Amino acid sequence: MEYMSSLQNGLDELKPSLFELLSEQQLAALLPPSLRYILAVSTHRYPRYLLPILNSFDEVYALVMLLVERHFLKTYGGSFTENFYQLKRARVLRTKSGEIPRAQLGASDSVREAVKLRNADVWRNLAVLVGLPYLKRKLDESYDIHAAHANILGPGYNRDRDGLRPGATIKERLMFYYKWFLRKVYPSVNAAYYFSLLVFNMAYLFDGTKYHSPFLWLVRTRIRRLGDADYKAIELATQPSKVGPARPGEGGSLFSPRNMARSVYPRLLSSLRILLPTSIFALKFLEWWHASDFARQLSRRAAENIELPPPVLPGLLPAARRAALAKQKAAVDNKRPSSSSDEKSKRIDPPISSTTLLPILTVPYPTPETSHLCPICSESITTATASPTGFVYCYTCIHRWVEGTHDRQVAFMEGSAGFRQDDGEEEEEEEGWEKEEGSREGRWESGKGRDAVTGRRILGGTEGLRRVVV
């Protein structure tokens, strides 16, 4: 990897550039939302097991990263993402300017042991790597929940709850002061946080400081590149250790605590070094696949010769049966008028409501010849809108039908003589509908809140309708 050495001091070849550090920070910031998204998608398939983890994602992620980062800090000298960029964390020696260039050139192994992180340094860096991002995520989430809307709507929002009620509990008092901190103090703290990062980044860019972050300055740790001595030490540390003879009373199983701690656990965490670049390549490939026209062309070519049949719902006659009845009716109408008994044998009874046990007003089932027309108004579909049953209507027709205010519904329920169906016959001659005088209130359902063709109830009313993008 090229490190743009022309921009760095020639005497300090192990100092990384600011661009490397910013790239590593961006990669580390992408891990939590990516894992949360993958977990959210997987939860739809296994909600019983994954939903509790998703609800406590921040805590679970912090715990897992605590184990992973501790392993990488103790084995490789850097965090998980820093090791991907061949970087490490080193203590700043209490010498003049903290630099020992001659010793670095002559005794690199001794210098590495001198700047190596001790146990106390590892825990301080874990607080910066895991504890600080966790606290920042929780504060940002709480601010979005409790304070963001109050700042947008102004001081007049929720003014009835500005004070504590008399006799408030300790929990209520803590919550009150916590919300006050989020509204009044946290925006300034957040601005100071990002401003301090900017100041240290600019100072690091112009060699004004050895720390690119104020938090690394607090723990007296800086980021360095891996040298030859570091690679040799890492190679020795990552060699598989030979498991000695089992202790008295301890079995030789691979799943014993001793073998797990000495062989399985380090190898499992070290395998993340290979998993990270592989997952990045897979995510970038999927991003390109969904954003390019190549995938759309393939899907369009695959769907060109596919003719989707109309939705098949229980309670409706099959398409072949409906076509046979239509042909039989047309043949009878052309030859002679059929008797009343023949007509009744061909009629399709309207659907019956399961709650009121009343027949439901519906419109005729669309045929292949009329599939381009709206089943309600029998005209060309304008602003195509689909109901949950799969049938497509004009937006105004199905919206008014679900609300129960369509002209056909009103005319039918009032018993108007001018009410006609799509076949042009009067309503008293419609299939399955007998002539009724006066209003049909209490004897029929107008189809309000239901699909116009099937008579099935639409959950959510008009909110269950979806516009069709052609």
Protein backbone atom coordinates (compact mmCIF):
# COMPACT_ATOMS: atom_id res chain seq x y z
CA MET A 1 0.00 0.00 0.00
CA GLU A 2 1.26 3.43 -0.92
CA TYR A 3 1.21 5.89 1.98
CA MET A 4 1.97 9.13 0.14
CA SER A 5 5.34 9.39 1.82
CA SER A 6 6.02 12.71 0.15
CA LEU A 7 3.49 14.33 2.48
CA GLN A 8 5.10 12.90 5.62
CA ASN A 9 8.26 13.67 7.48
CA GLY A 10 11.07 11.52 6.14
CA LEU A 11 12.37 10.71 9.63
CA ASP A 12 9.04 9.23 10.77
CA GLU A 13 7.97 6.68 8.21
CA LEU A 14 5.65 4.94 10.67
CA LYS A 15 3.33 7.94 11.03
CA PRO A 16 0.10 7.29 9.09
CA SER A 17 -1.50 10.00 7.02
CA LEU A 18 -4.74 11.65 8.02
CA PHE A 19 -6.48 10.09 5.02
CA GLU A 20 -5.71 6.59 6.27
CA LEU A 21 -7.08 7.44 9.70
CA LEU A 22 -10.26 8.97 8.29
CA SER A 23 -10.81 5.91 6.07
CA GLU A 24 -10.43 3.64 9.08
CA GLN A 25 -12.94 5.74 11.06
CA GLN A 26 -15.48 5.60 8.24
CA LEU A 27 -15.13 1.83 8.02
CA ALA A 28 -15.61 1.48 11.79
CA ALA A 29 -18.68 3.74 11.64
CA LEU A 30 -20.26 1.54 8.93
CA LEU A 31 -20.19 -1.64 11.01
CA PRO A 32 -23.06 -0.92 13.50
CA PRO A 33 -25.71 0.14 10.93
CA SER A 34 -24.72 -2.70 8.57
CA LEU A 35 -25.02 -5.32 11.28
CA ARG A 36 -28.28 -3.81 12.51
CA TYR A 37 -29.74 -3.97 8.99
CA ILE A 38 -28.70 -7.60 8.53
CA LEU A 39 -30.15 -8.46 11.92
CA ALA A 40 -33.42 -6.63 11.13
CA VAL A 41 -33.82 -8.57 7.87
CA SER A 42 -33.07 -11.88 9.58
CA THR A 43 -35.53 -11.11 12.38
CA HIS A 44 -38.44 -11.37 9.93
CA ARG A 45 -37.64 -15.08 9.51
CA TYR A 46 -36.74 -15.92 13.10
CA PRO A 47 -38.49 -13.32 15.28
CA ARG A 48 -38.69 -15.60 18.30
CA TYR A 49 -34.92 -15.80 18.65
CA LEU A 50 -33.63 -12.57 17.07
CA LEU A 51 -36.20 -10.00 18.20
CA PRO A 52 -34.78 -9.70 21.76
CA ILE A 53 -31.30 -9.21 20.27
CA LEU A 54 -32.58 -6.55 17.87
CA ASN A 55 -34.33 -4.68 20.68
CA SER A 56 -31.06 -4.60 22.66
CA PHE A 57 -28.75 -4.22 19.67
CA ASP A 58 -26.57 -1.46 21.13
CA GLU A 59 -25.83 -3.42 24.29
CA VAL A 60 -25.20 -6.70 22.45
CA TYR A 61 -22.98 -4.99 19.87
CA ALA A 62 -20.97 -3.24 22.60
CA LEU A 63 -20.44 -6.53 24.43
CA VAL A 64 -19.34 -8.37 21.29
CA MET A 65 -17.03 -5.56 20.22
CA LEU A 66 -15.54 -5.47 23.72
CA LEU A 67 -14.40 -9.07 23.27
CA VAL A 68 -13.25 -8.57 19.68
CA GLU A 69 -11.38 -5.31 20.29
CA ARG A 70 -9.68 -6.66 23.41
CA HIS A 71 -8.40 -9.65 21.45
CA PHE A 72 -7.09 -7.48 18.60
CA LEU A 73 -5.50 -4.95 20.95
CA LYS A 74 -3.65 -7.65 22.88
CA THR A 75 -2.66 -9.73 19.82
CA TYR A 76 -2.18 -7.22 16.99
CA GLY A 77 -1.73 -3.99 18.95
CA GLY A 78 -4.63 -2.24 17.18
CA SER A 79 -8.38 -2.34 16.85
CA PHE A 80 -10.31 -4.57 14.45
CA THR A 81 -10.56 -2.01 11.65
CA GLU A 82 -7.11 -0.53 12.32
CA ASN A 83 -5.53 -3.92 11.75
CA PHE A 84 -7.28 -4.04 8.38
CA TYR A 85 -5.31 -0.89 7.44
CA GLN A 86 -2.05 -2.27 8.94
CA LEU A 87 -2.14 0.20 11.84
CA LYS A 88 -1.52 -0.22 15.54
CA ARG A 89 -1.82 1.73 18.78
CA ALA A 90 1.32 2.70 20.68
CA ARG A 91 1.96 4.36 24.01
CA VAL A 92 3.56 7.80 23.95
CA LEU A 93 6.82 7.65 25.90
CA ARG A 94 7.58 10.28 28.48
CA THR A 95 10.61 11.57 26.64
CA LYS A 96 11.34 14.84 24.95
CA SER A 97 8.69 15.24 22.25
CA GLY A 98 7.91 11.54 22.76
CA GLU A 99 10.14 10.52 19.83
CA ILE A 100 13.21 8.25 19.79
CA PRO A 101 14.16 8.08 16.09
CA ARG A 102 17.69 6.70 16.59
CA ALA A 103 16.50 3.91 18.84
CA GLN A 104 13.77 3.14 16.33
CA LEU A 105 16.37 2.63 13.62
CA GLY A 106 18.87 0.67 15.71
CA ALA A 107 16.73 -1.37 18.10
CA SER A 108 13.24 -1.63 16.68
CA ASP A 109 12.40 -4.69 18.78
CA SER A 110 13.24 -2.90 22.02
CA VAL A 111 11.27 0.16 20.97
CA ARG A 112 8.29 -2.00 20.15
CA GLU A 113 8.34 -3.55 23.61
CA ALA A 114 8.66 -0.09 25.15
CA VAL A 115 5.64 1.39 23.34
CA LYS A 116 3.52 -1.77 23.50
CA LEU A 117 0.15 -1.36 25.19
CA ARG A 118 0.00 -2.56 28.78
CA ASN A 119 -3.13 -3.98 30.39
CA ALA A 120 -4.13 -0.57 31.74
CA ASP A 121 -3.60 0.98 28.29
CA VAL A 122 -5.74 -1.75 26.70
CA TRP A 123 -8.67 -1.00 28.99
CA ARG A 124 -8.34 2.75 28.48
CA ASN A 125 -8.37 2.23 24.72
CA LEU A 126 -11.38 -0.08 25.04
CA ALA A 127 -13.22 2.75 26.79
CA VAL A 128 -12.46 4.97 23.78
CA LEU A 129 -13.18 2.29 21.16
CA VAL A 130 -16.32 0.73 22.65
CA GLY A 131 -17.62 2.79 25.56
CA LEU A 132 -17.52 6.21 23.90
CA PRO A 133 -19.30 5.16 20.63
CA TYR A 134 -21.93 3.30 22.67
CA LEU A 135 -22.59 6.38 24.81
CA LYS A 136 -22.73 8.59 21.69
CA ARG A 137 -25.27 6.30 19.97
CA LYS A 138 -27.52 6.20 23.03
CA LEU A 139 -27.41 9.98 23.47
CA ASP A 140 -28.18 10.58 19.79
CA GLU A 141 -31.09 8.14 19.94
CA SER A 142 -32.47 9.72 23.12
CA TYR A 143 -32.12 13.19 21.61
CA ASP A 144 -34.11 12.16 18.53
CA ILE A 145 -36.85 10.72 20.76
CA HIS A 146 -37.14 13.31 23.54
CA ALA A 147 -35.68 16.58 22.30
CA ALA A 148 -35.54 16.89 18.51
CA HIS A 149 -39.29 17.57 18.08
CA ALA A 150 -39.26 20.07 20.98
CA ASN A 151 -36.52 22.13 19.29
CA ILE A 152 -38.36 22.07 15.97
CA LEU A 153 -41.74 23.13 17.36
CA GLY A 154 -40.29 25.77 19.68
CA PRO A 155 -40.56 26.49 23.39
CA GLY A 156 -44.35 26.39 23.31
CA TYR A 157 -44.37 22.64 22.64
CA ASN A 158 -45.41 20.47 25.59
CA ARG A 159 -45.33 23.40 27.98
CA ASP A 160 -47.75 21.63 30.33
CA ARG A 161 -44.96 19.22 31.29
CA ASP A 162 -42.17 21.74 31.87
CA GLY A 163 -42.31 21.30 35.64
CA LEU A 164 -42.25 18.30 37.90
CA ARG A 165 -45.48 17.26 39.46
CA PRO A 166 -45.69 17.38 43.26
CA GLY A 167 -44.48 14.17 44.87
CA ALA A 168 -42.56 12.96 41.81
CA THR A 169 -40.59 9.76 42.26
CA ILE A 170 -36.83 9.50 41.89
CA LYS A 171 -37.21 7.88 38.48
CA GLU A 172 -39.42 10.72 37.26
CA ARG A 173 -36.95 13.30 38.57
CA LEU A 174 -34.04 11.60 36.84
CA MET A 175 -36.00 11.39 33.60
CA PHE A 176 -36.96 15.05 33.86
CA TYR A 177 -33.36 16.22 34.35
CA TYR A 178 -32.19 13.84 31.62
CA LYS A 179 -34.63 15.37 29.12
CA TRP A 180 -33.61 18.85 30.26
CA PHE A 181 -29.96 17.92 29.61
CA LEU A 182 -30.85 16.64 26.12
CA ARG A 183 -32.74 19.82 25.24
CA LYS A 184 -30.45 22.43 26.77
CA VAL A 185 -26.94 21.01 27.11
CA TYR A 186 -26.45 18.12 24.72
CA PRO A 187 -26.54 20.18 21.47
CA SER A 188 -23.60 22.25 22.77
CA VAL A 189 -21.76 19.14 23.95
CA ASN A 190 -22.28 17.50 20.56
CA ALA A 191 -21.01 20.60 18.75
CA ALA A 192 -17.93 20.71 21.01
CA TYR A 193 -17.31 17.02 20.31
CA TYR A 194 -17.17 17.47 16.54
CA PHE A 195 -15.29 20.78 16.79
CA SER A 196 -12.55 19.17 18.92
CA LEU A 197 -12.22 16.37 16.36
CA LEU A 198 -11.83 18.94 13.61
CA VAL A 199 -9.17 20.87 15.54
CA PHE A 200 -7.11 17.76 16.27
CA ASN A 201 -7.43 16.53 12.69
CA MET A 202 -6.17 19.83 11.32
CA ALA A 203 -3.34 19.94 13.83
CA TYR A 204 -2.36 16.37 12.98
CA LEU A 205 -2.44 17.16 9.25
CA PHE A 206 0.11 19.97 9.70
CA ASP A 207 2.29 18.02 12.19
CA GLY A 208 1.13 20.12 15.11
CA THR A 209 0.32 17.12 17.30
CA LYS A 210 0.89 13.37 17.46
CA TYR A 211 -2.80 12.67 18.16
CA HIS A 212 -5.54 12.89 15.59
CA SER A 213 -8.26 12.64 18.25
CA PRO A 214 -8.67 14.38 21.62
CA PHE A 215 -9.64 11.07 23.24
CA LEU A 216 -6.36 9.46 22.21
CA TRP A 217 -4.62 12.44 23.76
CA LEU A 218 -6.45 11.74 27.01
CA VAL A 219 -5.31 8.09 27.10
CA ARG A 220 -1.78 8.96 25.88
CA THR A 221 -1.99 6.69 22.82
CA ARG A 222 -1.30 7.39 19.17
CA ILE A 223 -1.75 5.49 15.91
CA ARG A 224 1.30 4.08 14.12
CA ARG A 225 2.00 1.89 11.12
CA LEU A 226 3.14 -1.67 11.61
CA GLY A 227 6.87 -2.20 11.21
CA ASP A 228 9.03 -5.25 10.61
CA ALA A 229 9.32 -5.95 14.31
CA ASP A 230 5.52 -5.80 14.62
CA TYR A 231 4.99 -8.29 11.82
CA LYS A 232 7.45 -10.72 13.39
CA ALA A 233 5.80 -10.42 16.79
CA ILE A 234 2.31 -10.87 15.32
CA GLU A 235 3.45 -13.96 13.41
CA LEU A 236 4.75 -15.50 16.62
CA ALA A 237 1.62 -14.54 18.55
CA THR A 238 -0.76 -16.00 15.97
CA GLN A 239 0.97 -19.35 15.61
CA PRO A 240 -1.24 -22.23 16.77
CA SER A 241 -0.26 -23.12 20.29
CA LYS A 242 0.30 -26.74 21.17
CA VAL A 243 -2.22 -27.97 23.69
CA GLY A 244 -0.39 -29.79 26.47
CA PRO A 245 -1.59 -32.90 28.24
CA ALA A 246 -4.91 -32.62 29.99
CA ARG A 247 -4.93 -31.84 33.65
CA PRO A 248 -6.21 -34.38 36.17
CA GLY A 249 -9.98 -34.59 35.86
CA GLU A 250 -10.03 -32.61 32.57
CA GLY A 251 -11.03 -34.30 29.34
CA GLY A 252 -9.26 -33.86 26.02
CA SER A 253 -12.36 -32.65 24.20
CA LEU A 254 -12.13 -29.72 21.81
CA PHE A 255 -15.02 -28.04 23.63
CA SER A 256 -13.35 -28.07 27.03
CA PRO A 257 -12.83 -24.58 28.52
CA ARG A 258 -9.04 -24.90 28.32
CA ASN A 259 -8.97 -25.85 24.65
CA MET A 260 -11.61 -23.28 23.76
CA ALA A 261 -9.63 -20.47 25.41
CA ARG A 262 -6.28 -21.49 23.89
CA SER A 263 -7.17 -22.54 20.34
CA VAL A 264 -10.77 -22.10 19.20
CA TYR A 265 -11.49 -18.63 20.58
CA PRO A 266 -8.35 -16.90 19.13
CA ARG A 267 -8.81 -18.53 15.73
CA LEU A 268 -12.46 -17.54 15.60
CA LEU A 269 -11.68 -13.89 16.30
CA SER A 270 -8.71 -13.84 13.95
CA SER A 271 -10.88 -15.16 11.12
CA LEU A 272 -12.72 -11.83 11.18
CA ARG A 273 -9.74 -10.36 9.35
CA ILE A 274 -10.73 -12.40 6.29
CA LEU A 275 -14.46 -11.97 6.80
CA LEU A 276 -14.30 -8.17 6.76
CA PRO A 277 -12.84 -7.64 3.25
CA THR A 278 -14.99 -10.47 1.91
CA SER A 279 -18.17 -8.90 3.28
CA ILE A 280 -17.16 -5.48 1.94
CA PHE A 281 -16.70 -6.95 -1.53
CA ALA A 282 -20.07 -8.73 -1.30
CA LEU A 283 -21.87 -5.56 -0.15
CA LYS A 284 -20.30 -3.47 -2.92
CA PHE A 285 -21.25 -6.09 -5.50
CA LEU A 286 -24.87 -6.15 -4.31
CA GLU A 287 -24.94 -2.35 -4.30
CA TRP A 288 -23.72 -2.29 -7.91
CA TRP A 289 -26.15 -5.05 -8.90
CA HIS A 290 -29.20 -3.21 -7.59
CA ALA A 291 -28.07 0.19 -8.87
CA SER A 292 -27.05 -0.83 -12.41
CA ASP A 293 -29.28 -1.32 -15.43
CA PHE A 294 -27.86 -4.80 -16.00
CA ALA A 295 -30.09 -6.39 -13.36
CA ARG A 296 -33.14 -4.51 -14.61
CA GLN A 297 -32.55 -5.66 -18.19
CA LEU A 298 -32.25 -9.27 -17.07
CA SER A 299 -35.43 -9.11 -15.03
CA ARG A 300 -37.26 -7.34 -17.86
CA ARG A 301 -36.22 -9.97 -20.41
CA ALA A 302 -37.22 -12.76 -18.07
CA ALA A 303 -40.67 -11.24 -17.56
CA GLU A 304 -41.40 -10.34 -21.19
CA ASN A 305 -43.04 -13.66 -22.11
CA ILE A 306 -44.73 -14.26 -18.76
CA GLU A 307 -48.47 -13.61 -18.69
CA LEU A 308 -49.68 -13.28 -15.15
CA PRO A 309 -53.17 -14.75 -14.60
CA PRO A 310 -55.78 -12.80 -12.67
CA PRO A 311 -55.84 -13.42 -8.91
CA VAL A 312 -57.68 -16.58 -7.91
CA LEU A 313 -59.68 -16.24 -4.72
CA PRO A 314 -61.84 -18.80 -2.94
CA GLY A 315 -65.56 -18.17 -3.37
CA LEU A 316 -65.26 -17.09 -7.03
CA LEU A 317 -65.93 -19.33 -10.03
CA PRO A 318 -62.86 -20.44 -12.02
CA ALA A 319 -62.12 -18.57 -15.23
CA ALA A 320 -63.09 -21.56 -17.41
CA ARG A 321 -66.44 -21.88 -15.64
CA ARG A 322 -67.15 -18.15 -16.00
CA ALA A 323 -66.27 -18.22 -19.70
CA ALA A 324 -68.54 -21.24 -20.27
CA LEU A 325 -71.44 -19.51 -18.49
CA ALA A 326 -70.88 -16.34 -20.51
CA LYS A 327 -70.93 -18.24 -23.80
CA GLN A 328 -74.00 -20.19 -22.78
CA LYS A 329 -75.82 -17.01 -21.80
CA ALA A 330 -74.87 -15.28 -25.05
CA ALA A 331 -76.09 -18.24 -27.11
CA VAL A 332 -79.40 -18.37 -25.26
CA ASP A 333 -79.93 -14.62 -25.59
CA ASN A 334 -79.37 -14.77 -29.34
CA LYS A 335 -81.81 -17.63 -29.90
CA ARG A 336 -84.69 -17.08 -27.49
CA PRO A 337 -85.39 -15.52 -24.15
CA SER A 338 -84.72 -17.97 -21.38
CA SER A 339 -87.29 -18.92 -18.78
CA SER A 340 -87.14 -17.71 -15.19
CA SER A 341 -86.07 -21.17 -13.98
CA ASP A 342 -83.15 -21.24 -16.44
CA GLU A 343 -82.07 -17.76 -15.40
CA LYS A 344 -82.07 -18.68 -11.74
CA SER A 345 -79.92 -21.73 -12.48
CA LYS A 346 -77.25 -19.47 -14.05
CA ARG A 347 -77.24 -16.74 -11.41
CA ILE A 348 -74.21 -16.23 -9.18
CA ASP A 349 -75.21 -15.46 -5.63
CA PRO A 350 -73.61 -12.33 -4.11
CA PRO A 351 -71.13 -12.81 -1.23
CA ILE A 352 -72.62 -12.87 2.26
CA SER A 353 -71.17 -10.90 5.16
CA SER A 354 -69.94 -13.10 8.02
CA THR A 355 -70.93 -10.51 10.64
CA THR A 356 -74.30 -9.14 9.47
CA LEU A 357 -75.27 -12.15 7.29
CA LEU A 358 -76.43 -9.71 4.62
CA PRO A 359 -75.59 -9.88 0.89
CA ILE A 360 -72.79 -7.51 -0.20
CA LEU A 361 -72.96 -5.26 -3.23
CA THR A 362 -70.21 -6.14 -5.73
CA VAL A 363 -69.40 -5.41 -9.35
CA PRO A 364 -69.03 -8.08 -12.06
CA TYR A 365 -65.78 -9.98 -12.28
CA PRO A 366 -63.57 -8.52 -15.06
CA THR A 367 -63.05 -10.66 -18.14
CA PRO A 368 -59.92 -10.79 -20.32
CA GLU A 369 -61.67 -8.49 -22.82
CA THR A 370 -62.38 -5.88 -20.13
CA SER A 371 -59.19 -6.27 -18.10
CA HIS A 372 -58.01 -2.81 -19.22
CA LEU A 373 -61.19 -1.19 -17.89
CA CYS A 374 -62.04 -0.23 -14.34
CA PRO A 375 -64.46 -2.83 -12.91
CA ILE A 376 -66.47 -0.08 -11.19
CA CYS A 377 -66.93 2.61 -13.85
CA SER A 378 -66.24 0.36 -16.92
CA GLU A 379 -63.97 3.03 -18.41
CA SER A 380 -60.24 3.20 -19.03
CA ILE A 381 -58.34 3.07 -15.76
CA THR A 382 -57.13 6.46 -14.59
CA THR A 383 -54.43 6.60 -11.89
CA ALA A 384 -54.29 2.82 -11.45
CA THR A 385 -54.72 1.72 -7.84
CA ALA A 386 -54.61 -1.86 -6.55
CA SER A 387 -56.50 -3.29 -3.62
CA PRO A 388 -55.01 -6.02 -1.39
CA THR A 389 -56.96 -8.64 -3.40
CA GLY A 390 -54.99 -7.80 -6.56
CA PHE A 391 -57.66 -6.09 -8.67
CA VAL A 392 -56.86 -2.71 -10.21
CA TYR A 393 -59.29 0.22 -10.32
CA CYS A 394 -59.36 3.94 -10.91
CA TYR A 395 -58.10 5.71 -7.82
CA THR A 396 -61.22 7.83 -7.37
CA CYS A 397 -63.55 4.88 -7.97
CA ILE A 398 -62.01 2.46 -5.46
CA HIS A 399 -61.33 5.23 -2.93
CA ARG A 400 -64.97 6.35 -2.97
CA TRP A 401 -66.15 2.73 -3.01
CA VAL A 402 -64.18 1.87 0.11
CA GLU A 403 -65.50 5.02 1.78
CA GLY A 404 -69.04 4.01 0.76
CA THR A 405 -69.81 7.21 -1.17
CA HIS A 406 -69.67 5.97 -4.78
CA ASP A 407 -72.68 6.84 -6.98
CA ARG A 408 -73.38 3.15 -7.72
CA GLN A 409 -73.49 2.34 -4.03
CA VAL A 410 -75.74 5.27 -3.20
CA ALA A 411 -78.13 4.51 -6.08
CA PHE A 412 -78.32 0.82 -5.19
CA MET A 413 -78.91 1.36 -1.47
CA GLU A 414 -81.60 3.98 -2.21
CA GLY A 415 -83.29 1.59 -4.64
CA SER A 416 -83.13 4.03 -7.57
CA ALA A 417 -84.73 2.73 -10.72
CA GLY A 418 -81.88 4.06 -12.84
CA PHE A 419 -79.31 1.81 -11.27
CA ARG A 420 -77.72 -0.37 -13.95
CA GLN A 421 -74.94 -2.93 -14.06
CA ASP A 422 -72.19 -3.35 -16.66
CA ASP A 423 -74.23 -5.69 -18.82
CA GLY A 424 -76.81 -2.92 -19.40
CA GLU A 425 -79.71 -4.67 -17.65
CA GLU A 426 -81.85 -3.10 -14.97
CA GLU A 427 -80.94 -3.95 -11.41
CA GLU A 428 -84.09 -6.03 -10.87
CA GLU A 429 -82.95 -8.32 -13.70
CA GLU A 430 -79.39 -8.64 -12.42
CA GLU A 431 -78.17 -12.13 -11.62
CA GLY A 432 -79.20 -13.15 -8.15
CA TRP A 433 -80.85 -9.83 -7.30
CA GLU A 434 -84.61 -9.73 -7.04
CA LYS A 435 -86.64 -6.61 -7.53
CA GLU A 436 -86.99 -4.69 -4.29
CA GLU A 437 -89.01 -1.57 -3.71
CA GLY A 438 -87.60 1.34 -1.69
CA SER A 439 -84.39 1.57 0.26
CA ARG A 440 -82.20 -1.50 0.78
CA GLU A 441 -80.78 -0.31 4.08
CA GLY A 442 -80.79 -3.21 6.52
CA ARG A 443 -81.24 -5.77 3.74
CA TRP A 444 -77.95 -5.26 1.85
CA GLU A 445 -74.43 -4.05 2.56
CA SER A 446 -73.20 -1.30 0.26
CA GLY A 447 -69.66 -2.69 0.11
CA LYS A 448 -68.20 0.07 2.29
CA GLY A 449 -64.72 -0.87 3.45
CA ARG A 450 -64.64 -3.86 1.07
CA ASP A 451 -63.17 -4.75 -2.29
CA ALA A 452 -65.54 -3.94 -5.14
CA VAL A 453 -65.16 -7.29 -6.96
CA THR A 454 -64.72 -9.85 -4.20
CA GLY A 455 -66.52 -8.11 -1.35
CA ARG A 456 -63.62 -8.87 0.99
CA ARG A 457 -62.91 -6.42 3.77
CA ILE A 458 -59.83 -4.22 3.22
CA LEU A 459 -57.79 -3.85 6.37
CA GLY A 460 -57.05 -0.22 7.10
CA GLY A 461 -59.74 1.08 4.75
CA THR A 462 -58.36 3.47 2.14
CA GLU A 463 -54.91 3.18 3.73
CA GLY A 464 -54.73 -0.37 2.37
CA LEU A 465 -54.90 0.85 -1.24
CA ARG A 466 -51.67 1.12 -3.21
CA ARG A 467 -50.90 3.15 -6.30
CA VAL A 468 -49.63 1.11 -9.26
CA VAL A 469 -46.53 2.53 -10.98
CA VAL A 470 -46.54 1.52 -14.62
